[in-house]
Amino acid sequence: MTPTAPPASHTSPATSAGRLRAAVASLNPLTPVRKRFENWWMARRPLSDTLTLTQRNVYILPTGSGWMLALTLLILLVASINYQLNLGYLLTFLLAGSAVAGMHICHATLRGITLHLKAPEPHFMGTSATLEVQVSSERKTPRYGIGLAVRGTADEPLHWTWTDVPAQGQASVQVAFAPARRGLHRIPTLTAETRFPLGTFRVWTYWRPASQVLVYPAPEIPGPPLPPGEPRGAGTGNAPSQGIGEFDGVRAYRRGDPLKLVVWKKAAKSLGTGTDDLVSRDSQQAQRHELWLDPVLASLPDPEARVSRLTAWVLQADRLGLDYGLRLPGVEISPDNGAAHRRRCLEALALC
C-alpha cells in the first residue's frame, strides 16, 4: 500500500526548507551541469569497504565563518595600514596565524584515519538500515569532532553522527540508511568531515562502499490468518484442508510422549501467556497435509500487496514453528522450518 502524503498544514519546517532549497536550485541554470559533473566524478571513485584517508582523497575549504574571518582580517589590515596602528598589525597577524594553525590541525584531524564498513544485515522495508562504520587511527594523539553521514541531495539535509577517535584506537559509528523499495541495494555514498578546532575550515571526503544491503518486503499489518494446507502430493494445486491443525500437525501433549516431539516454541509462548499447555507433533496428521504459501492464495490485485501478505505469512508460520513452503514465479522452496529457511523465503520475496 502506498502511504498518503500528509496534509499541507502538517508540513514540518525542515521539509518546507528542503523544498525551498530544491526550488531555488532548480532555477539555477548551472544545476544540471553540476549534477552531471558530480555523477561523473563520483563514478570514477573506486568501490571499497575500507578507505584510508590521504592527501589525495581529503578536501578542504573555508566555511562561512572562515570567509567572514578572512573579510574581518582584510578590514583590520587595511585599517592598520591607513592609521599606522601597531596593535592593529599585531591583532591582524595573530588572528591570521591562529587561522593558519587551525587549518593545519583541521586537515590533520581527518587525514590518516581508516574507515571500515561492516557487512550490513538485511532489514524490512519501512525501517532504517544501520550501517556500522569503524573509524581507526594509528596516531599517538586523539582525533576530535569527526562526523559521518549518508551523502544526500540538495533538498535532503544530512543527518550527521559525530564521534571522537582515541589515540591509536578506534571508534564505532552507526549511520542510518532507509531504502525506498525492497530488493538488493548498493550502499549509498558516505561522507566524512570535521571542522575541528575553530570551525573556520571544513575538511571532508567521499566514500563509495562496495557492500550491498538486502531489503525484505514490509509485512502486512495486521497479518491475515494462514491459508489452508494442501494434501501431500497435490502438486501446484490449492486443495483446501479442514483446518489449521491438519498442516499444523500438532495435538495435545500425552503422558509418555518423547521430548523431541514437543513443540517448544509453542510451549514457550504458552508459558509466556501464563498457561502451561504443551503440544506434541502428530506425525500421522503431518503426513497428510502441508502448508504452501502461494501468491494465488493472497487474493489481492496489487502485486506488492501480495508480496507483503506472503511476508506476513512467512513470519507467522515461522513464529508458530510450522513446516511451510513458498511458491513464486520461477522459484519453489520446499517445506521446512527454522531461521535458515525463513531467511531463504524472505530473500526470495525481496528479489522476486
Protein backbone atom coordinates (compact mmCIF):
# COMPACT_ATOMS: atom_id res chain seq x y z
CA MET A 1 0.00 0.00 0.00
CA THR A 2 1.30 3.46 -0.89
CA PRO A 3 1.27 5.82 2.09
CA THR A 4 -0.69 9.02 1.56
CA ALA A 5 1.05 12.35 1.76
CA PRO A 6 0.47 14.38 4.92
CA PRO A 7 -1.73 17.46 4.68
CA ALA A 8 -0.01 20.72 3.83
CA SER A 9 -0.89 22.16 7.23
CA HIS A 10 1.23 19.48 8.93
CA THR A 11 4.37 20.01 6.81
CA SER A 12 7.42 20.32 9.04
CA PRO A 13 9.71 23.38 8.81
CA ALA A 14 12.63 21.18 7.74
CA THR A 15 10.58 19.76 4.85
CA SER A 16 9.49 23.25 3.78
CA ALA A 17 13.07 24.49 3.88
CA GLY A 18 14.21 21.50 1.83
CA ARG A 19 11.53 22.15 -0.80
CA LEU A 20 12.52 25.83 -0.93
CA ARG A 21 16.18 24.94 -1.46
CA ALA A 22 15.21 22.46 -4.18
CA ALA A 23 13.07 25.09 -5.93
CA VAL A 24 15.86 27.67 -5.81
CA ALA A 25 18.39 25.10 -7.08
CA SER A 26 16.11 24.16 -9.99
CA LEU A 27 16.12 27.81 -11.14
CA ASN A 28 19.91 27.85 -11.35
CA PRO A 29 20.96 27.15 -14.97
CA LEU A 30 24.22 25.58 -13.75
CA THR A 31 22.45 22.95 -11.62
CA PRO A 32 22.16 20.29 -14.41
CA VAL A 33 25.81 20.80 -15.36
CA ARG A 34 26.85 20.49 -11.72
CA LYS A 35 24.85 17.27 -11.27
CA ARG A 36 26.37 15.70 -14.39
CA PHE A 37 29.86 16.64 -13.21
CA GLU A 38 29.21 15.21 -9.72
CA ASN A 39 27.86 11.95 -11.17
CA TRP A 40 30.85 11.63 -13.49
CA TRP A 41 33.30 12.43 -10.71
CA MET A 42 31.67 10.03 -8.20
CA ALA A 43 31.60 7.23 -10.80
CA ARG A 44 35.38 7.45 -11.09
CA ARG A 45 35.89 6.76 -7.39
CA PRO A 46 36.66 3.10 -6.58
CA LEU A 47 34.28 0.86 -4.63
CA SER A 48 35.77 -0.41 -1.37
CA ASP A 49 34.54 -1.28 2.11
CA THR A 50 37.81 0.02 3.59
CA LEU A 51 39.14 3.51 2.89
CA THR A 52 42.33 5.12 4.21
CA LEU A 53 42.25 8.91 4.02
CA THR A 54 45.30 10.57 2.50
CA GLN A 55 46.04 13.92 0.86
CA ARG A 56 44.70 12.51 -2.43
CA ASN A 57 41.13 11.98 -1.18
CA VAL A 58 40.72 14.64 1.54
CA TYR A 59 39.49 18.12 0.58
CA ILE A 60 39.44 21.42 2.45
CA LEU A 61 37.62 24.72 2.02
CA PRO A 62 36.75 27.63 4.35
CA THR A 63 33.32 27.59 5.97
CA GLY A 64 31.02 30.57 6.15
CA SER A 65 32.67 31.57 9.42
CA GLY A 66 36.07 31.21 7.75
CA TRP A 67 35.14 33.59 4.94
CA MET A 68 33.84 36.09 7.48
CA LEU A 69 37.12 35.79 9.40
CA ALA A 70 39.05 36.44 6.17
CA LEU A 71 36.95 39.53 5.49
CA THR A 72 37.49 40.75 9.05
CA LEU A 73 41.24 40.27 8.75
CA LEU A 74 41.27 42.20 5.49
CA ILE A 75 39.40 45.10 7.09
CA LEU A 76 41.74 45.06 10.10
CA LEU A 77 44.78 45.05 7.81
CA VAL A 78 43.50 47.98 5.71
CA ALA A 79 42.62 49.98 8.85
CA SER A 80 46.02 49.24 10.42
CA ILE A 81 47.83 50.39 7.28
CA ASN A 82 45.67 53.50 6.97
CA TYR A 83 46.06 54.61 10.58
CA GLN A 84 49.52 53.08 11.21
CA LEU A 85 48.28 51.04 14.20
CA ASN A 86 50.98 48.73 15.51
CA LEU A 87 48.49 46.98 17.79
CA GLY A 88 46.23 46.56 14.77
CA TYR A 89 49.07 44.80 12.93
CA LEU A 90 49.65 42.60 15.96
CA LEU A 91 45.98 41.61 16.25
CA THR A 92 45.66 41.00 12.50
CA PHE A 93 48.69 38.74 12.23
CA LEU A 94 47.83 36.97 15.50
CA LEU A 95 44.37 36.07 14.20
CA ALA A 96 45.76 35.12 10.79
CA GLY A 97 48.37 32.86 12.39
CA SER A 98 45.68 31.21 14.50
CA ALA A 99 43.57 30.60 11.38
CA VAL A 100 46.53 29.03 9.53
CA ALA A 101 47.32 26.79 12.52
CA GLY A 102 43.65 25.80 12.74
CA MET A 103 43.67 24.93 9.01
CA HIS A 104 46.66 22.62 9.51
CA ILE A 105 45.12 20.93 12.58
CA CYS A 106 41.74 20.54 10.85
CA HIS A 107 43.27 18.84 7.81
CA ALA A 108 45.44 16.57 10.01
CA THR A 109 42.39 15.53 12.05
CA LEU A 110 40.83 13.70 9.12
CA ARG A 111 43.97 12.74 7.21
CA GLY A 112 45.39 9.35 8.14
CA ILE A 113 42.27 7.67 9.58
CA THR A 114 40.88 4.41 8.17
CA LEU A 115 37.16 3.82 7.58
CA HIS A 116 35.86 0.25 7.50
CA LEU A 117 32.23 -0.72 6.83
CA LYS A 118 30.88 -3.89 8.46
CA ALA A 119 28.59 -6.01 6.29
CA PRO A 120 25.03 -4.71 6.85
CA GLU A 121 22.29 -7.08 7.97
CA PRO A 122 19.06 -7.43 5.94
CA HIS A 123 16.10 -5.46 7.20
CA PHE A 124 12.43 -4.90 6.35
CA MET A 125 11.26 -2.06 4.13
CA GLY A 126 9.97 0.90 6.10
CA THR A 127 12.71 0.64 8.71
CA SER A 128 16.18 2.17 8.60
CA ALA A 129 19.22 0.04 7.90
CA THR A 130 22.02 0.64 10.38
CA LEU A 131 25.42 0.97 8.75
CA GLU A 132 28.20 0.38 11.27
CA VAL A 133 31.49 2.05 10.41
CA GLN A 134 34.73 1.54 12.33
CA VAL A 135 36.96 4.64 12.43
CA SER A 136 40.57 3.69 13.24
CA SER A 137 43.58 5.87 13.95
CA GLU A 138 47.25 4.99 14.41
CA ARG A 139 48.26 8.46 15.59
CA LYS A 140 49.51 8.89 19.16
CA THR A 141 47.08 11.74 19.82
CA PRO A 142 43.27 11.58 19.76
CA ARG A 143 41.14 13.00 16.98
CA TYR A 144 38.04 15.05 17.81
CA GLY A 145 34.84 16.01 16.05
CA ILE A 146 34.67 13.53 13.16
CA GLY A 147 31.24 13.17 11.58
CA LEU A 148 29.78 10.64 9.13
CA ALA A 149 26.57 10.81 7.12
CA VAL A 150 24.91 9.46 4.00
CA ARG A 151 25.53 11.84 1.12
CA GLY A 152 22.19 13.44 0.27
CA THR A 153 20.85 15.76 -2.39
CA ALA A 154 20.17 19.48 -2.38
CA ASP A 155 16.68 19.03 -0.86
CA GLU A 156 17.73 16.41 1.72
CA PRO A 157 19.61 17.60 4.81
CA LEU A 158 22.45 15.42 6.07
CA HIS A 159 21.97 13.56 9.35
CA TRP A 160 25.38 13.54 10.98
CA THR A 161 26.75 11.14 13.56
CA TRP A 162 29.73 12.53 15.45
CA THR A 163 32.49 10.73 17.30
CA ASP A 164 35.97 11.13 18.76
CA VAL A 165 38.70 8.62 17.96
CA PRO A 166 41.13 7.76 20.79
CA ALA A 167 44.88 7.70 20.29
CA GLN A 168 45.95 4.53 18.45
CA GLY A 169 42.42 3.19 18.82
CA GLN A 170 39.11 3.01 17.03
CA ALA A 171 35.53 4.19 17.40
CA SER A 172 32.28 2.72 16.07
CA VAL A 173 29.80 4.97 14.28
CA GLN A 174 26.28 3.98 13.20
CA VAL A 175 24.71 5.73 10.23
CA ALA A 176 21.04 5.30 9.23
CA PHE A 177 20.03 4.47 5.67
CA ALA A 178 16.38 3.98 4.57
CA PRO A 179 15.92 2.46 1.06
CA ALA A 180 12.73 3.40 -0.75
CA ARG A 181 11.92 -0.08 -2.11
CA ARG A 182 12.59 -3.76 -1.48
CA GLY A 183 15.38 -5.68 -3.15
CA LEU A 184 19.17 -5.62 -3.21
CA HIS A 185 20.61 -2.12 -2.86
CA ARG A 186 24.15 -0.83 -3.03
CA ILE A 187 25.23 1.16 0.00
CA PRO A 188 24.96 4.87 -0.90
CA THR A 189 27.92 7.21 -0.93
CA LEU A 190 29.04 8.21 2.56
CA THR A 191 30.76 11.42 3.54
CA ALA A 192 33.04 12.15 6.49
CA GLU A 193 34.03 15.60 7.65
CA THR A 194 35.48 17.61 10.52
CA ARG A 195 35.62 21.30 11.44
CA PHE A 196 37.81 20.91 14.48
CA PRO A 197 39.23 23.01 16.13
CA LEU A 198 37.97 26.52 15.14
CA GLY A 199 35.17 25.79 12.69
CA THR A 200 36.70 28.12 10.09
CA PHE A 201 37.60 25.27 7.70
CA ARG A 202 35.70 22.23 6.54
CA VAL A 203 37.68 19.10 5.70
CA TRP A 204 35.71 16.29 4.06
CA THR A 205 35.90 13.18 1.91
CA TYR A 206 33.53 10.98 -0.11
CA TRP A 207 33.44 7.20 0.22
CA ARG A 208 31.72 4.64 -2.02
CA PRO A 209 31.39 1.30 -0.17
CA ALA A 210 31.22 -1.89 -2.21
CA SER A 211 28.75 -3.73 0.06
CA GLN A 212 25.08 -4.23 -0.70
CA VAL A 213 22.11 -4.47 1.65
CA LEU A 214 19.05 -6.68 1.17
CA VAL A 215 15.69 -5.10 1.96
CA TYR A 216 12.86 -7.51 2.77
CA PRO A 217 9.27 -6.57 1.87
CA ALA A 218 7.26 -4.93 4.62
CA PRO A 219 4.83 -7.49 6.15
CA GLU A 220 1.13 -6.78 6.04
CA ILE A 221 -0.16 -5.41 9.35
CA PRO A 222 -2.27 -6.86 10.85
CA GLY A 223 -1.25 -10.23 9.46
CA PRO A 224 -4.12 -12.30 7.99
CA PRO A 225 -4.73 -15.93 9.04
CA LEU A 226 -2.61 -18.56 7.37
CA PRO A 227 -4.07 -20.20 4.26
CA PRO A 228 -5.36 -23.79 4.42
CA GLY A 229 -2.95 -26.67 3.91
CA GLU A 230 -2.69 -28.89 0.86
CA PRO A 231 -2.82 -32.69 0.74
CA ARG A 232 0.68 -34.05 0.23
CA GLY A 233 1.45 -34.79 -3.39
CA ALA A 234 -1.12 -32.28 -4.64
CA GLY A 235 1.49 -30.56 -6.82
CA THR A 236 0.71 -26.94 -7.55
CA GLY A 237 -2.96 -27.33 -6.73
CA ASN A 238 -4.53 -25.46 -3.86
CA ALA A 239 -6.87 -28.03 -2.37
CA PRO A 240 -8.19 -26.69 0.95
CA SER A 241 -7.94 -28.64 4.15
CA GLN A 242 -10.34 -28.83 7.05
CA GLY A 243 -8.37 -26.54 9.37
CA ILE A 244 -5.05 -25.26 10.52
CA GLY A 245 -4.47 -28.34 12.69
CA GLU A 246 -4.13 -30.61 9.67
CA PHE A 247 -0.97 -28.95 8.35
CA ASP A 248 -0.04 -27.75 11.79
CA GLY A 249 0.47 -31.40 12.70
CA VAL A 250 0.18 -30.89 16.48
CA ARG A 251 -2.01 -32.29 19.23
CA ALA A 252 -2.29 -32.02 22.99
CA TYR A 253 0.62 -33.45 24.97
CA ARG A 254 0.12 -37.01 26.20
CA ARG A 255 1.96 -38.61 29.07
CA GLY A 256 4.87 -40.62 27.69
CA ASP A 257 5.39 -38.53 24.52
CA PRO A 258 9.12 -38.23 23.66
CA LEU A 259 10.60 -34.83 24.39
CA LYS A 260 11.72 -34.47 20.77
CA LEU A 261 8.04 -34.37 19.71
CA VAL A 262 7.22 -31.43 21.99
CA VAL A 263 6.81 -28.13 20.09
CA TRP A 264 9.00 -26.00 22.34
CA LYS A 265 8.23 -22.74 20.56
CA LYS A 266 4.54 -23.17 21.31
CA ALA A 267 5.37 -24.27 24.86
CA ALA A 268 7.42 -21.12 25.47
CA LYS A 269 4.62 -18.98 24.09
CA SER A 270 2.07 -20.71 26.33
CA LEU A 271 4.24 -20.23 29.40
CA GLY A 272 4.68 -16.57 28.46
CA THR A 273 0.91 -16.07 28.47
CA GLY A 274 0.51 -17.75 31.86
CA THR A 275 -0.65 -21.19 30.72
CA ASP A 276 1.22 -24.49 30.79
CA ASP A 277 -0.46 -26.24 27.86
CA LEU A 278 2.01 -28.42 25.95
CA VAL A 279 1.54 -29.72 22.44
CA SER A 280 3.30 -32.52 20.57
CA ARG A 281 3.79 -33.12 16.87
CA ASP A 282 1.36 -35.61 15.38
CA SER A 283 3.34 -37.43 12.73
CA GLN A 284 0.24 -39.08 11.23
CA GLN A 285 -1.52 -35.73 10.74
CA ALA A 286 1.66 -34.07 9.45
CA GLN A 287 1.98 -36.72 6.74
CA ARG A 288 -1.41 -35.87 5.26
CA HIS A 289 -1.23 -32.10 4.72
CA GLU A 290 1.45 -29.45 4.29
CA LEU A 291 1.42 -25.66 4.20
CA TRP A 292 2.28 -23.93 0.94
CA LEU A 293 2.41 -20.14 0.59
CA ASP A 294 1.45 -19.03 -2.90
CA PRO A 295 0.64 -15.57 -4.38
CA VAL A 296 -2.63 -17.03 -5.72
CA LEU A 297 -3.80 -17.59 -2.13
CA ALA A 298 -3.19 -13.91 -1.25
CA SER A 299 -6.26 -12.89 -3.33
CA LEU A 300 -5.05 -9.29 -3.80
CA PRO A 301 -4.88 -7.38 -7.11
CA ASP A 302 -1.72 -5.40 -6.30
CA PRO A 303 1.49 -7.46 -6.76
CA GLU A 304 3.29 -5.60 -3.95
CA ALA A 305 0.35 -6.20 -1.62
CA ARG A 306 0.55 -9.94 -2.39
CA VAL A 307 4.26 -9.95 -1.60
CA SER A 308 3.54 -8.10 1.65
CA ARG A 309 0.91 -10.69 2.63
CA LEU A 310 3.26 -13.57 1.81
CA THR A 311 5.90 -11.96 4.00
CA ALA A 312 3.44 -11.76 6.89
CA TRP A 313 2.56 -15.45 6.39
CA VAL A 314 6.23 -16.46 6.40
CA LEU A 315 6.81 -14.65 9.69
CA GLN A 316 3.64 -16.08 11.23
CA ALA A 317 4.42 -19.66 10.19
CA ASP A 318 7.97 -19.32 11.49
CA ARG A 319 6.70 -17.93 14.79
CA LEU A 320 4.38 -20.93 15.18
CA GLY A 321 7.14 -23.39 14.36
CA LEU A 322 5.35 -24.83 11.30
CA ASP A 323 6.79 -26.50 8.23
CA TYR A 324 5.92 -24.31 5.24
CA GLY A 325 6.92 -23.96 1.60
CA LEU A 326 6.92 -20.99 -0.76
CA ARG A 327 5.94 -20.87 -4.43
CA LEU A 328 6.85 -17.87 -6.56
CA PRO A 329 7.14 -17.45 -10.35
CA GLY A 330 10.21 -19.47 -11.25
CA VAL A 331 11.03 -20.30 -7.60
CA GLU A 332 9.80 -23.12 -5.36
CA ILE A 333 11.18 -23.61 -1.84
CA SER A 334 10.29 -26.95 -0.29
CA PRO A 335 8.53 -27.04 3.10
CA ASP A 336 10.87 -26.69 6.06
CA ASN A 337 11.28 -24.57 9.18
CA GLY A 338 13.95 -22.72 11.11
CA ALA A 339 15.87 -19.47 10.78
CA ALA A 340 17.75 -20.51 7.63
CA HIS A 341 14.50 -21.49 5.87
CA ARG A 342 12.85 -18.20 6.89
CA ARG A 343 15.84 -16.29 5.52
CA ARG A 344 15.64 -18.15 2.20
CA CYS A 345 11.95 -17.34 1.86
CA LEU A 346 12.39 -13.68 2.75
CA GLU A 347 15.27 -13.34 0.28
CA ALA A 348 13.15 -14.89 -2.46
CA LEU A 349 10.31 -12.47 -1.69
CA ALA A 350 12.70 -9.50 -1.68
CA LEU A 351 14.15 -10.37 -5.08
CA CYS A 352 11.01 -11.61 -6.87
